[in-house]
Amino acid sequence: MRFSPYHKRLRDLTEQEVLALAISSEEDDARIYRGFAEQLRDAYPATAKIFDDMAQEEDGHRQALIARHQSRFGNTVPLLRREHVAGFHSRRPIWLSANLSLEAIRNLASQMEQDAEAFYVKAAKQVTDLDTRKLLGDLAAAEAGHKHTADDLTETHLDPDTRDDENARAHRQFVLTWVQPGLAGLMDGSVSTLAPIFATAFATQDTHTTFLVGLAASVGAGISMGFTEAASDDGELSGRGSPIKRGLASGIMTTLGGLGHALPYLIPDFWTATTLAILVVFVELWAIVWIQNRFMKTPFGRATFQVVLGGALVFAAGALIGGG
């Protein structure tokens, strides 16, 4: 039974369809590996060379499958792709991999090999021609052995020093593109909104008004920080990465930093809401200290002094202005 008139299950495919599906899948995987190689070539040339060699391996598999199809069914290969088969493993669009870290791309390639192995194992069981079954079984073994092949290629193109250097550059790029602007946004949202929110709270003792002020301050600050970060540096010379990514990181974290201590004022009781908001501020400030220490390598004592003291002064200013 089929799931829909537009999809077949793997077990319903004929031998010719199995070969056609395998040919298109190997072609897709080779193109994906070449895409990875081009994406990584400038920053991580050693890893790019590994993906070039893996693409060549997939080309060899495709040629063997085409030769088998020619001997069994002729030169016309039916159009059958992975999206035509229900439950068949999918591949993410190449543009989504642009946002993946170096290690994530390596892990994705490993998963692709596992998926291909599983397909060949199942396909080999359902074809009756012995030569085709042998080819599919050999390809399953080859895909299973690709982990060892990848290890061999890594030893050839990626010595420990080179791998450490590439991993360090990937971590630095992650920090520059996501952590640094996100941290700046979180600090701005958490600290700069303290004064208007708590000044409004103590001046009016109206939780609804305080929430609206906090919401407006948080969203406004997020929009401002996001556009400022995106417009300040296109990332070409500084190497800080996409301005859109940095703007999103800064804007979203700024908004979240302000909303953290604005949301408690959804609670109608003023003192309950204020107490909870102060606790949230405490958590926010310590989160900033942890991020600075973890990713920016700022000494813990110095980060604590800067963030907690600064936050306390801004909070005190807001409370005094509102109370007065």
C-alpha atoms as a PDB file:
ATOM      1  CA  MET A   1       0.000   0.000   0.000  1.00  0.00           C
ATOM      2  CA  ARG A   2       1.322   3.412  -0.946  1.00  0.00           C
ATOM      3  CA  PHE A   3       1.140   6.525   1.195  1.00  0.00           C
ATOM      4  CA  SER A   4      -0.021   8.651  -1.778  1.00  0.00           C
ATOM      5  CA  PRO A   5      -0.306   8.369  -5.559  1.00  0.00           C
ATOM      6  CA  TYR A   6       2.853  10.485  -5.832  1.00  0.00           C
ATOM      7  CA  HIS A   7       5.157   8.361  -3.664  1.00  0.00           C
ATOM      8  CA  LYS A   8       6.344   4.783  -3.618  1.00  0.00           C
ATOM      9  CA  ARG A   9       7.715   2.841  -0.725  1.00  0.00           C
ATOM     10  CA  LEU A  10      11.208   1.494  -1.106  1.00  0.00           C
ATOM     11  CA  ARG A  11       9.972  -2.092  -1.008  1.00  0.00           C
ATOM     12  CA  ASP A  12       7.651  -1.389  -3.971  1.00  0.00           C
ATOM     13  CA  LEU A  13      10.482  -0.317  -6.297  1.00  0.00           C
ATOM     14  CA  THR A  14      11.563  -2.519  -9.180  1.00  0.00           C
ATOM     15  CA  GLU A  15      15.210  -3.377  -9.687  1.00  0.00           C
ATOM     16  CA  GLN A  16      15.492  -0.702 -12.395  1.00  0.00           C
ATOM     17  CA  GLU A  17      13.916   1.877 -10.075  1.00  0.00           C
ATOM     18  CA  VAL A  18      16.288   0.923  -7.270  1.00  0.00           C
ATOM     19  CA  LEU A  19      19.248   1.516  -9.568  1.00  0.00           C
ATOM     20  CA  ALA A  20      17.781   4.812 -10.788  1.00  0.00           C
ATOM     21  CA  LEU A  21      17.237   5.980  -7.217  1.00  0.00           C
ATOM     22  CA  ALA A  22      20.773   4.960  -6.252  1.00  0.00           C
ATOM     23  CA  ILE A  23      22.249   6.810  -9.254  1.00  0.00           C
ATOM     24  CA  SER A  24      20.425  10.058  -8.455  1.00  0.00           C
ATOM     25  CA  SER A  25      21.265   9.770  -4.738  1.00  0.00           C
ATOM     26  CA  GLU A  26      24.971   9.293  -5.393  1.00  0.00           C
ATOM     27  CA  GLU A  27      24.932  12.262  -7.774  1.00  0.00           C
ATOM     28  CA  ASP A  28      23.194  14.417  -5.140  1.00  0.00           C
ATOM     29  CA  ASP A  29      25.634  13.421  -2.406  1.00  0.00           C
ATOM     30  CA  ALA A  30      28.640  14.153  -4.610  1.00  0.00           C
ATOM     31  CA  ARG A  31      27.242  17.620  -5.361  1.00  0.00           C
ATOM     32  CA  ILE A  32      26.618  18.232  -1.660  1.00  0.00           C
ATOM     33  CA  TYR A  33      30.191  17.268  -0.774  1.00  0.00           C
ATOM     34  CA  ARG A  34      31.520  19.575  -3.484  1.00  0.00           C
ATOM     35  CA  GLY A  35      29.298  22.317  -2.099  1.00  0.00           C
ATOM     36  CA  PHE A  36      30.783  21.755   1.348  1.00  0.00           C
ATOM     37  CA  ALA A  37      34.266  21.902  -0.171  1.00  0.00           C
ATOM     38  CA  GLU A  38      33.610  25.215  -1.918  1.00  0.00           C
ATOM     39  CA  GLN A  39      32.002  26.652   1.195  1.00  0.00           C
ATOM     40  CA  LEU A  40      35.004  25.740   3.343  1.00  0.00           C
ATOM     41  CA  ARG A  41      37.843  26.156   0.867  1.00  0.00           C
ATOM     42  CA  ASP A  42      38.960  29.672   1.806  1.00  0.00           C
ATOM     43  CA  ALA A  43      38.807  29.300   5.583  1.00  0.00           C
ATOM     44  CA  TYR A  44      39.422  25.531   5.982  1.00  0.00           C
ATOM     45  CA  PRO A  45      41.349  24.264   2.921  1.00  0.00           C
ATOM     46  CA  ALA A  46      42.362  20.957   4.510  1.00  0.00           C
ATOM     47  CA  THR A  47      38.777  19.972   5.332  1.00  0.00           C
ATOM     48  CA  ALA A  48      37.699  21.163   1.854  1.00  0.00           C
ATOM     49  CA  LYS A  49      40.179  18.705   0.314  1.00  0.00           C
ATOM     50  CA  ILE A  50      38.593  15.880   2.331  1.00  0.00           C
ATOM     51  CA  PHE A  51      35.165  16.702   0.898  1.00  0.00           C
ATOM     52  CA  ASP A  52      36.649  16.902  -2.634  1.00  0.00           C
ATOM     53  CA  ASP A  53      37.947  13.352  -2.223  1.00  0.00           C
ATOM     54  CA  MET A  54      34.634  12.144  -0.775  1.00  0.00           C
ATOM     55  CA  ALA A  55      32.832  13.606  -3.793  1.00  0.00           C
ATOM     56  CA  GLN A  56      35.151  11.635  -6.072  1.00  0.00           C
ATOM     57  CA  GLU A  57      34.257   8.469  -4.143  1.00  0.00           C
ATOM     58  CA  GLU A  58      30.549   9.133  -4.758  1.00  0.00           C
ATOM     59  CA  ASP A  59      31.286   9.688  -8.474  1.00  0.00           C
ATOM     60  CA  GLY A  60      32.873   6.239  -8.593  1.00  0.00           C
ATOM     61  CA  HIS A  61      29.779   4.670  -7.020  1.00  0.00           C
ATOM     62  CA  ARG A  62      27.525   6.468  -9.509  1.00  0.00           C
ATOM     63  CA  GLN A  63      29.582   5.234 -12.462  1.00  0.00           C
ATOM     64  CA  ALA A  64      29.374   1.643 -11.208  1.00  0.00           C
ATOM     65  CA  LEU A  65      25.604   1.941 -10.842  1.00  0.00           C
ATOM     66  CA  ILE A  66      25.209   3.441 -14.317  1.00  0.00           C
ATOM     67  CA  ALA A  67      27.286   0.626 -15.824  1.00  0.00           C
ATOM     68  CA  ARG A  68      25.075  -1.928 -14.087  1.00  0.00           C
ATOM     69  CA  HIS A  69      21.920  -0.203 -15.338  1.00  0.00           C
ATOM     70  CA  GLN A  70      23.262  -0.172 -18.900  1.00  0.00           C
ATOM     71  CA  SER A  71      23.966  -3.891 -18.820  1.00  0.00           C
ATOM     72  CA  ARG A  72      20.518  -4.706 -17.409  1.00  0.00           C
ATOM     73  CA  PHE A  73      18.136  -2.102 -18.804  1.00  0.00           C
ATOM     74  CA  GLY A  74      19.931   0.022 -21.391  1.00  0.00           C
ATOM     75  CA  ASN A  75      21.003   3.640 -21.474  1.00  0.00           C
ATOM     76  CA  THR A  76      17.753   5.359 -20.450  1.00  0.00           C
ATOM     77  CA  VAL A  77      17.645   5.838 -16.674  1.00  0.00           C
ATOM     78  CA  PRO A  78      14.146   6.599 -15.292  1.00  0.00           C
ATOM     79  CA  LEU A  79      13.739   9.887 -13.412  1.00  0.00           C
ATOM     80  CA  LEU A  80      13.484   8.827  -9.785  1.00  0.00           C
ATOM     81  CA  ARG A  81      14.739  10.955  -6.930  1.00  0.00           C
ATOM     82  CA  ARG A  82      14.734  10.631  -3.145  1.00  0.00           C
ATOM     83  CA  GLU A  83      11.676  12.893  -2.763  1.00  0.00           C
ATOM     84  CA  HIS A  84       9.650  10.434  -4.881  1.00  0.00           C
ATOM     85  CA  VAL A  85      10.073   7.630  -2.323  1.00  0.00           C
ATOM     86  CA  ALA A  86       8.103   7.692   0.914  1.00  0.00           C
ATOM     87  CA  GLY A  87      10.276   7.680   4.018  1.00  0.00           C
ATOM     88  CA  PHE A  88      13.526   7.924   2.070  1.00  0.00           C
ATOM     89  CA  HIS A  89      16.251   9.940   3.790  1.00  0.00           C
ATOM     90  CA  SER A  90      16.188  13.592   2.770  1.00  0.00           C
ATOM     91  CA  ARG A  91      18.959  16.097   2.277  1.00  0.00           C
ATOM     92  CA  ARG A  92      18.755  19.635   3.595  1.00  0.00           C
ATOM     93  CA  PRO A  93      19.006  22.471   1.044  1.00  0.00           C
ATOM     94  CA  ILE A  94      22.578  23.592   0.541  1.00  0.00           C
ATOM     95  CA  TRP A  95      21.816  27.146   1.668  1.00  0.00           C
ATOM     96  CA  LEU A  96      20.956  25.859   5.152  1.00  0.00           C
ATOM     97  CA  SER A  97      24.443  24.415   5.551  1.00  0.00           C
ATOM     98  CA  ALA A  98      25.878  27.916   5.225  1.00  0.00           C
ATOM     99  CA  ASN A  99      24.885  28.499   8.846  1.00  0.00           C
ATOM    100  CA  LEU A 100      26.407  25.281  10.160  1.00  0.00           C
ATOM    101  CA  SER A 101      29.605  25.149  12.144  1.00  0.00           C
ATOM    102  CA  LEU A 102      32.619  23.264  10.850  1.00  0.00           C
ATOM    103  CA  GLU A 103      32.016  20.378  13.256  1.00  0.00           C
ATOM    104  CA  ALA A 104      28.310  20.276  12.358  1.00  0.00           C
ATOM    105  CA  ILE A 105      29.182  19.903   8.670  1.00  0.00           C
ATOM    106  CA  ARG A 106      31.534  17.019   9.490  1.00  0.00           C
ATOM    107  CA  ASN A 107      28.791  15.345  11.538  1.00  0.00           C
ATOM    108  CA  LEU A 108      26.251  15.878   8.741  1.00  0.00           C
ATOM    109  CA  ALA A 109      28.571  14.170   6.266  1.00  0.00           C
ATOM    110  CA  SER A 110      28.891  11.216   8.646  1.00  0.00           C
ATOM    111  CA  GLN A 111      25.089  10.971   8.875  1.00  0.00           C
ATOM    112  CA  MET A 112      24.829  11.042   5.070  1.00  0.00           C
ATOM    113  CA  GLU A 113      27.110   8.016   4.855  1.00  0.00           C
ATOM    114  CA  GLN A 114      25.029   6.141   7.441  1.00  0.00           C
ATOM    115  CA  ASP A 115      21.826   6.905   5.516  1.00  0.00           C
ATOM    116  CA  ALA A 116      23.363   5.649   2.268  1.00  0.00           C
ATOM    117  CA  GLU A 117      24.533   2.440   3.930  1.00  0.00           C
ATOM    118  CA  ALA A 118      21.033   1.756   5.297  1.00  0.00           C
ATOM    119  CA  PHE A 119      19.512   2.284   1.844  1.00  0.00           C
ATOM    120  CA  TYR A 120      21.905  -0.137   0.120  1.00  0.00           C
ATOM    121  CA  VAL A 121      21.396  -2.805   2.787  1.00  0.00           C
ATOM    122  CA  LYS A 122      17.604  -2.677   2.321  1.00  0.00           C
ATOM    123  CA  ALA A 123      17.796  -2.434  -1.462  1.00  0.00           C
ATOM    124  CA  ALA A 124      20.144  -5.420  -1.739  1.00  0.00           C
ATOM    125  CA  LYS A 125      17.612  -7.600   0.086  1.00  0.00           C
ATOM    126  CA  GLN A 126      14.784  -6.949  -2.355  1.00  0.00           C
ATOM    127  CA  VAL A 127      16.460  -7.380  -5.753  1.00  0.00           C
ATOM    128  CA  THR A 128      16.727 -10.841  -7.252  1.00  0.00           C
ATOM    129  CA  ASP A 129      19.490 -10.406  -9.819  1.00  0.00           C
ATOM    130  CA  LEU A 130      22.663 -11.703  -8.220  1.00  0.00           C
ATOM    131  CA  ASP A 131      25.041  -9.247  -9.887  1.00  0.00           C
ATOM    132  CA  THR A 132      22.872  -6.269  -8.913  1.00  0.00           C
ATOM    133  CA  ARG A 133      22.535  -7.597  -5.388  1.00  0.00           C
ATOM    134  CA  LYS A 134      26.308  -8.005  -5.176  1.00  0.00           C
ATOM    135  CA  LEU A 135      26.868  -4.432  -6.390  1.00  0.00           C
ATOM    136  CA  LEU A 136      24.414  -3.016  -3.879  1.00  0.00           C
ATOM    137  CA  GLY A 137      25.955  -5.077  -1.100  1.00  0.00           C
ATOM    138  CA  ASP A 138      29.422  -3.883  -2.070  1.00  0.00           C
ATOM    139  CA  LEU A 139      28.209  -0.278  -2.026  1.00  0.00           C
ATOM    140  CA  ALA A 140      26.660  -0.806   1.417  1.00  0.00           C
ATOM    141  CA  ALA A 141      30.016  -2.093   2.645  1.00  0.00           C
ATOM    142  CA  ALA A 142      31.750   0.864   0.988  1.00  0.00           C
ATOM    143  CA  GLU A 143      29.450   3.365   2.689  1.00  0.00           C
ATOM    144  CA  ALA A 144      29.966   1.594   6.015  1.00  0.00           C
ATOM    145  CA  GLY A 145      33.692   1.825   5.435  1.00  0.00           C
ATOM    146  CA  HIS A 146      33.570   5.500   4.572  1.00  0.00           C
ATOM    147  CA  LYS A 147      34.116   6.363   8.201  1.00  0.00           C
ATOM    148  CA  HIS A 148      37.470   4.636   7.943  1.00  0.00           C
ATOM    149  CA  THR A 149      38.037   6.281   4.554  1.00  0.00           C
ATOM    150  CA  ALA A 150      37.231   9.656   6.094  1.00  0.00           C
ATOM    151  CA  ASP A 151      39.682   8.894   8.885  1.00  0.00           C
ATOM    152  CA  ASP A 152      42.345   8.035   6.304  1.00  0.00           C
ATOM    153  CA  LEU A 153      41.615  11.206   4.353  1.00  0.00           C
ATOM    154  CA  THR A 154      41.740  13.187   7.583  1.00  0.00           C
ATOM    155  CA  GLU A 155      45.172  11.764   8.359  1.00  0.00           C
ATOM    156  CA  THR A 156      46.279  12.656   4.804  1.00  0.00           C
ATOM    157  CA  HIS A 157      44.906  16.195   4.624  1.00  0.00           C
ATOM    158  CA  LEU A 158      44.206  17.139   8.215  1.00  0.00           C
ATOM    159  CA  ASP A 159      47.090  16.570  10.631  1.00  0.00           C
ATOM    160  CA  PRO A 160      46.403  17.318  14.315  1.00  0.00           C
ATOM    161  CA  ASP A 161      47.925  20.787  14.150  1.00  0.00           C
ATOM    162  CA  THR A 162      45.892  21.719  11.077  1.00  0.00           C
ATOM    163  CA  ARG A 163      42.697  20.324  12.605  1.00  0.00           C
ATOM    164  CA  ASP A 164      43.295  22.251  15.829  1.00  0.00           C
ATOM    165  CA  ASP A 165      43.954  25.403  13.814  1.00  0.00           C
ATOM    166  CA  GLU A 166      40.734  24.968  11.785  1.00  0.00           C
ATOM    167  CA  ASN A 167      38.699  24.248  14.912  1.00  0.00           C
ATOM    168  CA  ALA A 168      40.152  27.330  16.593  1.00  0.00           C
ATOM    169  CA  ARG A 169      39.249  29.478  13.588  1.00  0.00           C
ATOM    170  CA  ALA A 170      35.731  28.041  13.527  1.00  0.00           C
ATOM    171  CA  HIS A 171      35.299  28.813  17.221  1.00  0.00           C
ATOM    172  CA  ARG A 172      36.629  32.336  16.719  1.00  0.00           C
ATOM    173  CA  GLN A 173      34.205  32.897  13.845  1.00  0.00           C
ATOM    174  CA  PHE A 174      31.315  31.646  15.982  1.00  0.00           C
ATOM    175  CA  VAL A 175      32.290  34.042  18.749  1.00  0.00           C
ATOM    176  CA  LEU A 176      32.666  37.013  16.389  1.00  0.00           C
ATOM    177  CA  THR A 177      29.448  36.376  14.471  1.00  0.00           C
ATOM    178  CA  TRP A 178      27.072  35.199  17.196  1.00  0.00           C
ATOM    179  CA  VAL A 179      28.446  35.424  20.734  1.00  0.00           C
ATOM    180  CA  GLN A 180      29.977  38.903  20.688  1.00  0.00           C
ATOM    181  CA  PRO A 181      26.982  40.769  19.192  1.00  0.00           C
ATOM    182  CA  GLY A 182      24.565  38.618  21.188  1.00  0.00           C
ATOM    183  CA  LEU A 183      26.422  39.373  24.406  1.00  0.00           C
ATOM    184  CA  ALA A 184      26.477  43.103  23.616  1.00  0.00           C
ATOM    185  CA  GLY A 185      22.740  42.935  23.009  1.00  0.00           C
ATOM    186  CA  LEU A 186      22.047  41.016  26.200  1.00  0.00           C
ATOM    187  CA  MET A 187      24.088  43.501  28.231  1.00  0.00           C
ATOM    188  CA  ASP A 188      22.347  46.469  26.637  1.00  0.00           C
ATOM    189  CA  GLY A 189      18.887  44.964  27.022  1.00  0.00           C
ATOM    190  CA  SER A 190      19.428  43.785  30.569  1.00  0.00           C
ATOM    191  CA  VAL A 191      21.183  46.878  31.909  1.00  0.00           C
ATOM    192  CA  SER A 192      19.940  49.873  29.922  1.00  0.00           C
ATOM    193  CA  THR A 193      16.271  49.002  30.440  1.00  0.00           C
ATOM    194  CA  LEU A 194      16.652  48.699  34.218  1.00  0.00           C
ATOM    195  CA  ALA A 195      16.317  52.429  34.815  1.00  0.00           C
ATOM    196  CA  PRO A 196      13.133  53.106  32.788  1.00  0.00           C
ATOM    197  CA  ILE A 197      11.394  49.942  33.940  1.00  0.00           C
ATOM    198  CA  PHE A 198      12.071  50.309  37.656  1.00  0.00           C
ATOM    199  CA  ALA A 199      11.642  54.088  37.582  1.00  0.00           C
ATOM    200  CA  THR A 200       8.175  53.530  36.110  1.00  0.00           C
ATOM    201  CA  ALA A 201       7.475  50.750  38.585  1.00  0.00           C
ATOM    202  CA  PHE A 202       8.296  52.778  41.703  1.00  0.00           C
ATOM    203  CA  ALA A 203       6.764  55.994  40.341  1.00  0.00           C
ATOM    204  CA  THR A 204       3.400  54.486  39.409  1.00  0.00           C
ATOM    205  CA  GLN A 205       3.250  51.162  41.290  1.00  0.00           C
ATOM    206  CA  ASP A 206       1.043  50.119  38.363  1.00  0.00           C
ATOM    207  CA  THR A 207       2.115  46.757  36.969  1.00  0.00           C
ATOM    208  CA  HIS A 208       0.272  47.171  33.664  1.00  0.00           C
ATOM    209  CA  THR A 209       1.889  50.527  32.921  1.00  0.00           C
ATOM    210  CA  THR A 210       5.291  49.190  33.958  1.00  0.00           C
ATOM    211  CA  PHE A 211       4.908  46.203  31.651  1.00  0.00           C
ATOM    212  CA  LEU A 212       3.985  48.415  28.685  1.00  0.00           C
ATOM    213  CA  VAL A 213       6.992  50.664  29.317  1.00  0.00           C
ATOM    214  CA  GLY A 214       9.256  47.619  29.648  1.00  0.00           C
ATOM    215  CA  LEU A 215       7.862  46.054  26.474  1.00  0.00           C
ATOM    216  CA  ALA A 216       8.315  49.282  24.505  1.00  0.00           C
ATOM    217  CA  ALA A 217      11.830  49.827  25.858  1.00  0.00           C
ATOM    218  CA  SER A 218      12.866  46.231  25.113  1.00  0.00           C
ATOM    219  CA  VAL A 219      11.469  46.048  21.589  1.00  0.00           C
ATOM    220  CA  GLY A 220      12.732  49.536  20.735  1.00  0.00           C
ATOM    221  CA  ALA A 221      16.192  48.799  22.053  1.00  0.00           C
ATOM    222  CA  GLY A 222      16.253  45.480  20.183  1.00  0.00           C
ATOM    223  CA  ILE A 223      15.371  47.109  16.869  1.00  0.00           C
ATOM    224  CA  SER A 224      17.921  49.876  17.432  1.00  0.00           C
ATOM    225  CA  MET A 225      20.732  47.512  18.434  1.00  0.00           C
ATOM    226  CA  GLY A 226      19.977  45.102  15.601  1.00  0.00           C
ATOM    227  CA  PHE A 227      20.096  47.753  12.899  1.00  0.00           C
ATOM    228  CA  THR A 228      23.134  49.410  14.445  1.00  0.00           C
ATOM    229  CA  GLU A 229      25.095  46.161  14.534  1.00  0.00           C
ATOM    230  CA  ALA A 230      24.125  45.219  10.977  1.00  0.00           C
ATOM    231  CA  ALA A 231      24.929  48.647   9.572  1.00  0.00           C
ATOM    232  CA  SER A 232      28.162  49.246  11.464  1.00  0.00           C
ATOM    233  CA  ASP A 233      30.276  46.586   9.748  1.00  0.00           C
ATOM    234  CA  ASP A 234      29.686  44.489   6.616  1.00  0.00           C
ATOM    235  CA  GLY A 235      32.152  41.908   7.924  1.00  0.00           C
ATOM    236  CA  GLU A 236      34.309  41.880   4.783  1.00  0.00           C
ATOM    237  CA  LEU A 237      37.417  43.475   6.280  1.00  0.00           C
ATOM    238  CA  SER A 238      36.898  42.642   9.946  1.00  0.00           C
ATOM    239  CA  GLY A 239      36.038  38.990   9.308  1.00  0.00           C
ATOM    240  CA  ARG A 240      33.146  39.203  11.777  1.00  0.00           C
ATOM    241  CA  GLY A 241      30.766  37.420   9.434  1.00  0.00           C
ATOM    242  CA  SER A 242      27.361  38.230   7.989  1.00  0.00           C
ATOM    243  CA  PRO A 243      25.909  41.552   9.173  1.00  0.00           C
ATOM    244  CA  ILE A 244      22.432  40.015   9.056  1.00  0.00           C
ATOM    245  CA  LYS A 245      23.433  37.237  11.455  1.00  0.00           C
ATOM    246  CA  ARG A 246      25.136  39.691  13.779  1.00  0.00           C
ATOM    247  CA  GLY A 247      22.172  42.072  13.638  1.00  0.00           C
ATOM    248  CA  LEU A 248      19.749  39.278  14.465  1.00  0.00           C
ATOM    249  CA  ALA A 249      21.887  38.059  17.362  1.00  0.00           C
ATOM    250  CA  SER A 250      22.236  41.548  18.798  1.00  0.00           C
ATOM    251  CA  GLY A 251      18.611  42.579  18.278  1.00  0.00           C
ATOM    252  CA  ILE A 252      17.037  39.392  19.619  1.00  0.00           C
ATOM    253  CA  MET A 253      19.260  39.224  22.695  1.00  0.00           C
ATOM    254  CA  THR A 254      18.671  42.909  23.445  1.00  0.00           C
ATOM    255  CA  THR A 255      14.921  42.375  23.352  1.00  0.00           C
ATOM    256  CA  LEU A 256      15.140  39.243  25.501  1.00  0.00           C
ATOM    257  CA  GLY A 257      17.392  41.018  28.002  1.00  0.00           C
ATOM    258  CA  GLY A 258      14.788  43.735  28.555  1.00  0.00           C
ATOM    259  CA  LEU A 259      11.770  41.443  28.475  1.00  0.00           C
ATOM    260  CA  GLY A 260      13.270  39.256  31.174  1.00  0.00           C
ATOM    261  CA  HIS A 261      12.508  41.760  33.920  1.00  0.00           C
ATOM    262  CA  ALA A 262       9.488  43.323  32.173  1.00  0.00           C
ATOM    263  CA  LEU A 263       7.440  40.125  31.964  1.00  0.00           C
ATOM    264  CA  PRO A 264       7.046  39.736  35.762  1.00  0.00           C
ATOM    265  CA  TYR A 265       4.885  42.875  35.662  1.00  0.00           C
ATOM    266  CA  LEU A 266       2.172  40.838  34.006  1.00  0.00           C
ATOM    267  CA  ILE A 267       1.503  39.772  37.607  1.00  0.00           C
ATOM    268  CA  PRO A 268      -1.131  42.161  39.067  1.00  0.00           C
ATOM    269  CA  ASP A 269       0.391  42.385  42.550  1.00  0.00           C
ATOM    270  CA  PHE A 270       3.075  45.104  42.498  1.00  0.00           C
ATOM    271  CA  TRP A 271       5.448  43.786  45.161  1.00  0.00           C
ATOM    272  CA  THR A 272       5.248  40.183  43.903  1.00  0.00           C
ATOM    273  CA  ALA A 273       6.035  41.353  40.385  1.00  0.00           C
ATOM    274  CA  THR A 274       8.860  43.633  41.555  1.00  0.00           C
ATOM    275  CA  THR A 275      10.457  40.936  43.700  1.00  0.00           C
ATOM    276  CA  LEU A 276      10.350  38.477  40.803  1.00  0.00           C
ATOM    277  CA  ALA A 277      11.744  41.116  38.421  1.00  0.00           C
ATOM    278  CA  ILE A 278      14.694  41.764  40.761  1.00  0.00           C
ATOM    279  CA  LEU A 279      15.411  38.026  40.901  1.00  0.00           C
ATOM    280  CA  VAL A 280      15.319  37.870  37.102  1.00  0.00           C
ATOM    281  CA  VAL A 281      17.778  40.779  36.923  1.00  0.00           C
ATOM    282  CA  PHE A 282      20.098  38.887  39.248  1.00  0.00           C
ATOM    283  CA  VAL A 283      19.959  35.817  36.958  1.00  0.00           C
ATOM    284  CA  GLU A 284      20.487  37.948  33.836  1.00  0.00           C
ATOM    285  CA  LEU A 285      23.568  39.652  35.226  1.00  0.00           C
ATOM    286  CA  TRP A 286      25.163  36.395  36.300  1.00  0.00           C
ATOM    287  CA  ALA A 287      24.376  34.895  32.878  1.00  0.00           C
ATOM    288  CA  ILE A 288      26.275  37.783  31.284  1.00  0.00           C
ATOM    289  CA  VAL A 289      29.209  37.169  33.629  1.00  0.00           C
ATOM    290  CA  TRP A 290      29.230  33.470  32.710  1.00  0.00           C
ATOM    291  CA  ILE A 291      29.137  34.177  28.956  1.00  0.00           C
ATOM    292  CA  GLN A 292      31.956  36.703  29.239  1.00  0.00           C
ATOM    293  CA  ASN A 293      34.059  34.248  31.179  1.00  0.00           C
ATOM    294  CA  ARG A 294      33.201  31.236  29.003  1.00  0.00           C
ATOM    295  CA  PHE A 295      33.451  32.688  25.499  1.00  0.00           C
ATOM    296  CA  MET A 296      35.254  36.025  25.806  1.00  0.00           C
ATOM    297  CA  LYS A 297      37.849  34.715  28.298  1.00  0.00           C
ATOM    298  CA  THR A 298      37.226  37.672  30.618  1.00  0.00           C
ATOM    299  CA  PRO A 299      38.519  36.889  34.134  1.00  0.00           C
ATOM    300  CA  PHE A 300      35.590  35.972  36.350  1.00  0.00           C
ATOM    301  CA  GLY A 301      36.333  38.576  38.991  1.00  0.00           C
ATOM    302  CA  ARG A 302      36.645  41.407  36.512  1.00  0.00           C
ATOM    303  CA  ALA A 303      33.491  40.382  34.647  1.00  0.00           C
ATOM    304  CA  THR A 304      31.578  40.184  37.926  1.00  0.00           C
ATOM    305  CA  PHE A 305      32.770  43.613  39.019  1.00  0.00           C
ATOM    306  CA  GLN A 306      31.915  45.256  35.690  1.00  0.00           C
ATOM    307  CA  VAL A 307      28.523  43.687  35.115  1.00  0.00           C
ATOM    308  CA  VAL A 308      27.101  43.395  38.608  1.00  0.00           C
ATOM    309  CA  LEU A 309      28.327  46.811  39.740  1.00  0.00           C
ATOM    310  CA  GLY A 310      27.094  48.471  36.547  1.00  0.00           C
ATOM    311  CA  GLY A 311      23.721  46.767  36.785  1.00  0.00           C
ATOM    312  CA  ALA A 312      23.368  47.685  40.438  1.00  0.00           C
ATOM    313  CA  LEU A 313      24.105  51.353  39.724  1.00  0.00           C
ATOM    314  CA  VAL A 314      21.563  51.520  36.889  1.00  0.00           C
ATOM    315  CA  PHE A 315      18.941  49.759  39.009  1.00  0.00           C
ATOM    316  CA  ALA A 316      19.586  52.129  41.899  1.00  0.00           C
ATOM    317  CA  ALA A 317      19.280  55.134  39.592  1.00  0.00           C
ATOM    318  CA  GLY A 318      15.921  53.926  38.298  1.00  0.00           C
ATOM    319  CA  ALA A 319      14.603  53.136  41.760  1.00  0.00           C
ATOM    320  CA  LEU A 320      15.703  56.493  43.191  1.00  0.00           C
ATOM    321  CA  ILE A 321      14.277  58.474  40.279  1.00  0.00           C
ATOM    322  CA  GLY A 322      11.007  56.565  40.411  1.00  0.00           C
ATOM    323  CA  GLY A 323      10.777  56.741  44.192  1.00  0.00           C
ATOM    324  CA  GLY A 324      11.451  60.440  44.211  1.00  0.00           C
END
